Amino acid sequence: MTLKQARKRYPLVPDEILRWAVENISDPRDVERGLFRLEQAKQLQIKYCA
């Protein structure tokens, strides 16, 4: 997964975290799993803090 693809797929995850994950995690499945969970956490945060 490229940084551009990650930004498009996980818009709520901060850019510095996306960049770090894409550059430092070698297994693409682990990158997707981690970013997906972060995206879910941000969605829940927005839902319950509003």
PDB file of N, CA and C in Angstrom:
ATOM      1  N   MET A   1       0.851  -1.172   0.000  1.00  0.00           N
ATOM      2  CA  MET A   1       0.000   0.000   0.000  1.00  0.00           C
ATOM      3  C   MET A   1       0.896   1.234   0.000  1.00  0.00           C
ATOM      4  N   THR A   2       0.553   2.178  -0.850  1.00  0.00           N
ATOM      5  CA  THR A   2       1.314   3.420  -0.906  1.00  0.00           C
ATOM      6  C   THR A   2       0.702   4.435   0.068  1.00  0.00           C
ATOM      7  N   LEU A   3       1.447   5.476   0.321  1.00  0.00           N
ATOM      8  CA  LEU A   3       0.968   6.525   1.218  1.00  0.00           C
ATOM      9  C   LEU A   3      -0.299   7.184   0.659  1.00  0.00           C
ATOM     10  N   LYS A   4      -0.332   7.385  -0.641  1.00  0.00           N
ATOM     11  CA  LYS A   4      -1.505   8.002  -1.270  1.00  0.00           C
ATOM     12  C   LYS A   4      -2.738   7.120  -1.111  1.00  0.00           C
ATOM     13  N   GLN A   5      -2.581   5.806  -1.295  1.00  0.00           N
ATOM     14  CA  GLN A   5      -3.693   4.874  -1.122  1.00  0.00           C
ATOM     15  C   GLN A   5      -4.170   4.866   0.331  1.00  0.00           C
ATOM     16  N   ALA A   6      -3.222   4.901   1.261  1.00  0.00           N
ATOM     17  CA  ALA A   6      -3.576   4.890   2.679  1.00  0.00           C
ATOM     18  C   ALA A   6      -4.342   6.143   3.067  1.00  0.00           C
ATOM     19  N   ARG A   7      -3.926   7.307   2.554  1.00  0.00           N
ATOM     20  CA  ARG A   7      -4.638   8.561   2.855  1.00  0.00           C
ATOM     21  C   ARG A   7      -6.066   8.522   2.343  1.00  0.00           C
ATOM     22  N   LYS A   8      -6.231   7.950   1.153  1.00  0.00           N
ATOM     23  CA  LYS A   8      -7.556   7.882   0.556  1.00  0.00           C
ATOM     24  C   LYS A   8      -8.451   6.899   1.318  1.00  0.00           C
ATOM     25  N   ARG A   9      -7.890   5.789   1.749  1.00  0.00           N
ATOM     26  CA  ARG A   9      -8.669   4.735   2.400  1.00  0.00           C
ATOM     27  C   ARG A   9      -8.947   5.011   3.870  1.00  0.00           C
ATOM     28  N   TYR A  10      -8.035   5.704   4.546  1.00  0.00           N
ATOM     29  CA  TYR A  10      -8.168   5.979   5.979  1.00  0.00           C
ATOM     30  C   TYR A  10      -8.040   7.487   6.232  1.00  0.00           C
ATOM     31  N   PRO A  11      -9.053   8.259   5.880  1.00  0.00           N
ATOM     32  CA  PRO A  11      -8.947   9.724   5.961  1.00  0.00           C
ATOM     33  C   PRO A  11      -8.880  10.285   7.387  1.00  0.00           C
ATOM     34  N   LEU A  12      -9.355   9.551   8.382  1.00  0.00           N
ATOM     35  CA  LEU A  12      -9.362  10.075   9.747  1.00  0.00           C
ATOM     36  C   LEU A  12      -8.051   9.846  10.493  1.00  0.00           C
ATOM     37  N   VAL A  13      -7.203   8.963   9.976  1.00  0.00           N
ATOM     38  CA  VAL A  13      -5.922   8.677  10.622  1.00  0.00           C
ATOM     39  C   VAL A  13      -4.949   9.808  10.281  1.00  0.00           C
ATOM     40  N   PRO A  14      -4.264  10.358  11.289  1.00  0.00           N
ATOM     41  CA  PRO A  14      -3.323  11.462  11.036  1.00  0.00           C
ATOM     42  C   PRO A  14      -2.214  11.076  10.052  1.00  0.00           C
ATOM     43  N   ASP A  15      -1.771  12.070   9.271  1.00  0.00           N
ATOM     44  CA  ASP A  15      -0.776  11.837   8.228  1.00  0.00           C
ATOM     45  C   ASP A  15       0.527  11.251   8.753  1.00  0.00           C
ATOM     46  N   GLU A  16       0.988  11.724   9.906  1.00  0.00           N
ATOM     47  CA  GLU A  16       2.268  11.221  10.421  1.00  0.00           C
ATOM     48  C   GLU A  16       2.179   9.739  10.798  1.00  0.00           C
ATOM     49  N   ILE A  17       1.019   9.297  11.254  1.00  0.00           N
ATOM     50  CA  ILE A  17       0.839   7.879  11.577  1.00  0.00           C
ATOM     51  C   ILE A  17       0.767   7.057  10.296  1.00  0.00           C
ATOM     52  N   LEU A  18       0.042   7.549   9.292  1.00  0.00           N
ATOM     53  CA  LEU A  18      -0.004   6.863   8.007  1.00  0.00           C
ATOM     54  C   LEU A  18       1.391   6.698   7.422  1.00  0.00           C
ATOM     55  N   ARG A  19       2.146   7.793   7.414  1.00  0.00           N
ATOM     56  CA  ARG A  19       3.486   7.769   6.848  1.00  0.00           C
ATOM     57  C   ARG A  19       4.369   6.767   7.582  1.00  0.00           C
ATOM     58  N   TRP A  20       4.331   6.802   8.913  1.00  0.00           N
ATOM     59  CA  TRP A  20       5.155   5.885   9.704  1.00  0.00           C
ATOM     60  C   TRP A  20       4.781   4.439   9.422  1.00  0.00           C
ATOM     61  N   ALA A  21       3.482   4.140   9.408  1.00  0.00           N
ATOM     62  CA  ALA A  21       3.028   2.764   9.214  1.00  0.00           C
ATOM     63  C   ALA A  21       3.441   2.230   7.844  1.00  0.00           C
ATOM     64  N   VAL A  22       3.252   3.033   6.805  1.00  0.00           N
ATOM     65  CA  VAL A  22       3.594   2.590   5.452  1.00  0.00           C
ATOM     66  C   VAL A  22       5.098   2.371   5.320  1.00  0.00           C
ATOM     67  N   GLU A  23       5.892   3.227   5.943  1.00  0.00           N
ATOM     68  CA  GLU A  23       7.349   3.129   5.816  1.00  0.00           C
ATOM     69  C   GLU A  23       7.957   2.045   6.701  1.00  0.00           C
ATOM     70  N   ASN A  24       7.358   1.738   7.846  1.00  0.00           N
ATOM     71  CA  ASN A  24       8.018   0.883   8.828  1.00  0.00           C
ATOM     72  C   ASN A  24       7.419  -0.502   9.029  1.00  0.00           C
ATOM     73  N   ILE A  25       6.227  -0.746   8.556  1.00  0.00           N
ATOM     74  CA  ILE A  25       5.620  -2.069   8.737  1.00  0.00           C
ATOM     75  C   ILE A  25       5.701  -2.796   7.397  1.00  0.00           C
ATOM     76  N   SER A  26       6.407  -3.908   7.395  1.00  0.00           N
ATOM     77  CA  SER A  26       6.681  -4.592   6.127  1.00  0.00           C
ATOM     78  C   SER A  26       5.512  -5.423   5.614  1.00  0.00           C
ATOM     79  N   ASP A  27       4.711  -5.992   6.489  1.00  0.00           N
ATOM     80  CA  ASP A  27       3.597  -6.840   6.060  1.00  0.00           C
ATOM     81  C   ASP A  27       2.377  -5.975   5.731  1.00  0.00           C
ATOM     82  N   PRO A  28       1.932  -5.964   4.480  1.00  0.00           N
ATOM     83  CA  PRO A  28       0.790  -5.120   4.096  1.00  0.00           C
ATOM     84  C   PRO A  28      -0.488  -5.439   4.870  1.00  0.00           C
ATOM     85  N   ARG A  29      -0.663  -6.702   5.248  1.00  0.00           N
ATOM     86  CA  ARG A  29      -1.865  -7.062   6.023  1.00  0.00           C
ATOM     87  C   ARG A  29      -1.837  -6.414   7.401  1.00  0.00           C
ATOM     88  N   ASP A  30      -0.644  -6.351   8.008  1.00  0.00           N
ATOM     89  CA  ASP A  30      -0.523  -5.703   9.316  1.00  0.00           C
ATOM     90  C   ASP A  30      -0.776  -4.206   9.220  1.00  0.00           C
ATOM     91  N   VAL A  31      -0.298  -3.590   8.152  1.00  0.00           N
ATOM     92  CA  VAL A  31      -0.542  -2.154   7.936  1.00  0.00           C
ATOM     93  C   VAL A  31      -2.047  -1.909   7.834  1.00  0.00           C
ATOM     94  N   GLU A  32      -2.713  -2.682   6.992  1.00  0.00           N
ATOM     95  CA  GLU A  32      -4.153  -2.501   6.807  1.00  0.00           C
ATOM     96  C   GLU A  32      -4.925  -2.752   8.094  1.00  0.00           C
ATOM     97  N   ARG A  33      -4.555  -3.788   8.816  1.00  0.00           N
ATOM     98  CA  ARG A  33      -5.248  -4.116  10.067  1.00  0.00           C
ATOM     99  C   ARG A  33      -5.103  -2.980  11.085  1.00  0.00           C
ATOM    100  N   GLY A  34      -3.898  -2.485  11.253  1.00  0.00           N
ATOM    101  CA  GLY A  34      -3.660  -1.418  12.218  1.00  0.00           C
ATOM    102  C   GLY A  34      -4.348  -0.116  11.846  1.00  0.00           C
ATOM    103  N   LEU A  35      -4.246   0.252  10.573  1.00  0.00           N
ATOM    104  CA  LEU A  35      -4.877   1.499  10.136  1.00  0.00           C
ATOM    105  C   LEU A  35      -6.395   1.396  10.184  1.00  0.00           C
ATOM    106  N   PHE A  36      -6.931   0.222   9.897  1.00  0.00           N
ATOM    107  CA  PHE A  36      -8.377   0.020   9.985  1.00  0.00           C
ATOM    108  C   PHE A  36      -8.861   0.214  11.422  1.00  0.00           C
ATOM    109  N   ARG A  37      -8.108  -0.340  12.363  1.00  0.00           N
ATOM    110  CA  ARG A  37      -8.503  -0.190  13.775  1.00  0.00           C
ATOM    111  C   ARG A  37      -8.395   1.257  14.238  1.00  0.00           C
ATOM    112  N   LEU A  38      -7.376   1.963  13.783  1.00  0.00           N
ATOM    113  CA  LEU A  38      -7.267   3.382  14.125  1.00  0.00           C
ATOM    114  C   LEU A  38      -8.431   4.175  13.534  1.00  0.00           C
ATOM    115  N   GLU A  39      -8.790   3.854  12.305  1.00  0.00           N
ATOM    116  CA  GLU A  39      -9.912   4.529  11.655  1.00  0.00           C
ATOM    117  C   GLU A  39     -11.205   4.291  12.446  1.00  0.00           C
ATOM    118  N   GLN A  40     -11.426   3.048  12.878  1.00  0.00           N
ATOM    119  CA  GLN A  40     -12.617   2.736  13.677  1.00  0.00           C
ATOM    120  C   GLN A  40     -12.618   3.515  14.991  1.00  0.00           C
ATOM    121  N   ALA A  41     -11.472   3.595  15.640  1.00  0.00           N
ATOM    122  CA  ALA A  41     -11.373   4.314  16.908  1.00  0.00           C
ATOM    123  C   ALA A  41     -11.698   5.791  16.719  1.00  0.00           C
ATOM    124  N   LYS A  42     -11.204   6.389  15.630  1.00  0.00           N
ATOM    125  CA  LYS A  42     -11.493   7.793  15.363  1.00  0.00           C
ATOM    126  C   LYS A  42     -12.985   7.994  15.091  1.00  0.00           C
ATOM    127  N   GLN A  43     -13.604   7.048  14.375  1.00  0.00           N
ATOM    128  CA  GLN A  43     -15.033   7.159  14.118  1.00  0.00           C
ATOM    129  C   GLN A  43     -15.845   7.103  15.399  1.00  0.00           C
ATOM    130  N   LEU A  44     -15.471   6.205  16.300  1.00  0.00           N
ATOM    131  CA  LEU A  44     -16.161   6.106  17.573  1.00  0.00           C
ATOM    132  C   LEU A  44     -15.955   7.361  18.414  1.00  0.00           C
ATOM    133  N   GLN A  45     -14.754   7.886  18.380  1.00  0.00           N
ATOM    134  CA  GLN A  45     -14.446   9.099  19.129  1.00  0.00           C
ATOM    135  C   GLN A  45     -15.311  10.252  18.633  1.00  0.00           C
ATOM    136  N   ILE A  46     -15.419  10.389  17.343  1.00  0.00           N
ATOM    137  CA  ILE A  46     -16.235  11.463  16.764  1.00  0.00           C
ATOM    138  C   ILE A  46     -17.711  11.254  17.120  1.00  0.00           C
ATOM    139  N   LYS A  47     -18.161  10.019  17.030  1.00  0.00           N
ATOM    140  CA  LYS A  47     -19.566   9.712  17.304  1.00  0.00           C
ATOM    141  C   LYS A  47     -19.962  10.035  18.730  1.00  0.00           C
ATOM    142  N   TYR A  48     -19.124   9.659  19.697  1.00  0.00           N
ATOM    143  CA  TYR A  48     -19.515   9.802  21.102  1.00  0.00           C
ATOM    144  C   TYR A  48     -19.063  11.104  21.752  1.00  0.00           C
ATOM    145  N   CYS A  49     -18.197  11.847  21.087  1.00  0.00           N
ATOM    146  CA  CYS A  49     -17.774  13.144  21.649  1.00  0.00           C
ATOM    147  C   CYS A  49     -18.639  14.285  21.126  1.00  0.00           C
ATOM    148  N   ALA A  50     -19.415  14.038  20.108  1.00  0.00           N
ATOM    149  CA  ALA A  50     -20.210  15.115  19.490  1.00  0.00           C
ATOM    150  C   ALA A  50     -21.463  15.385  20.248  1.00  0.00           C
TER     151      ALA A  50
END
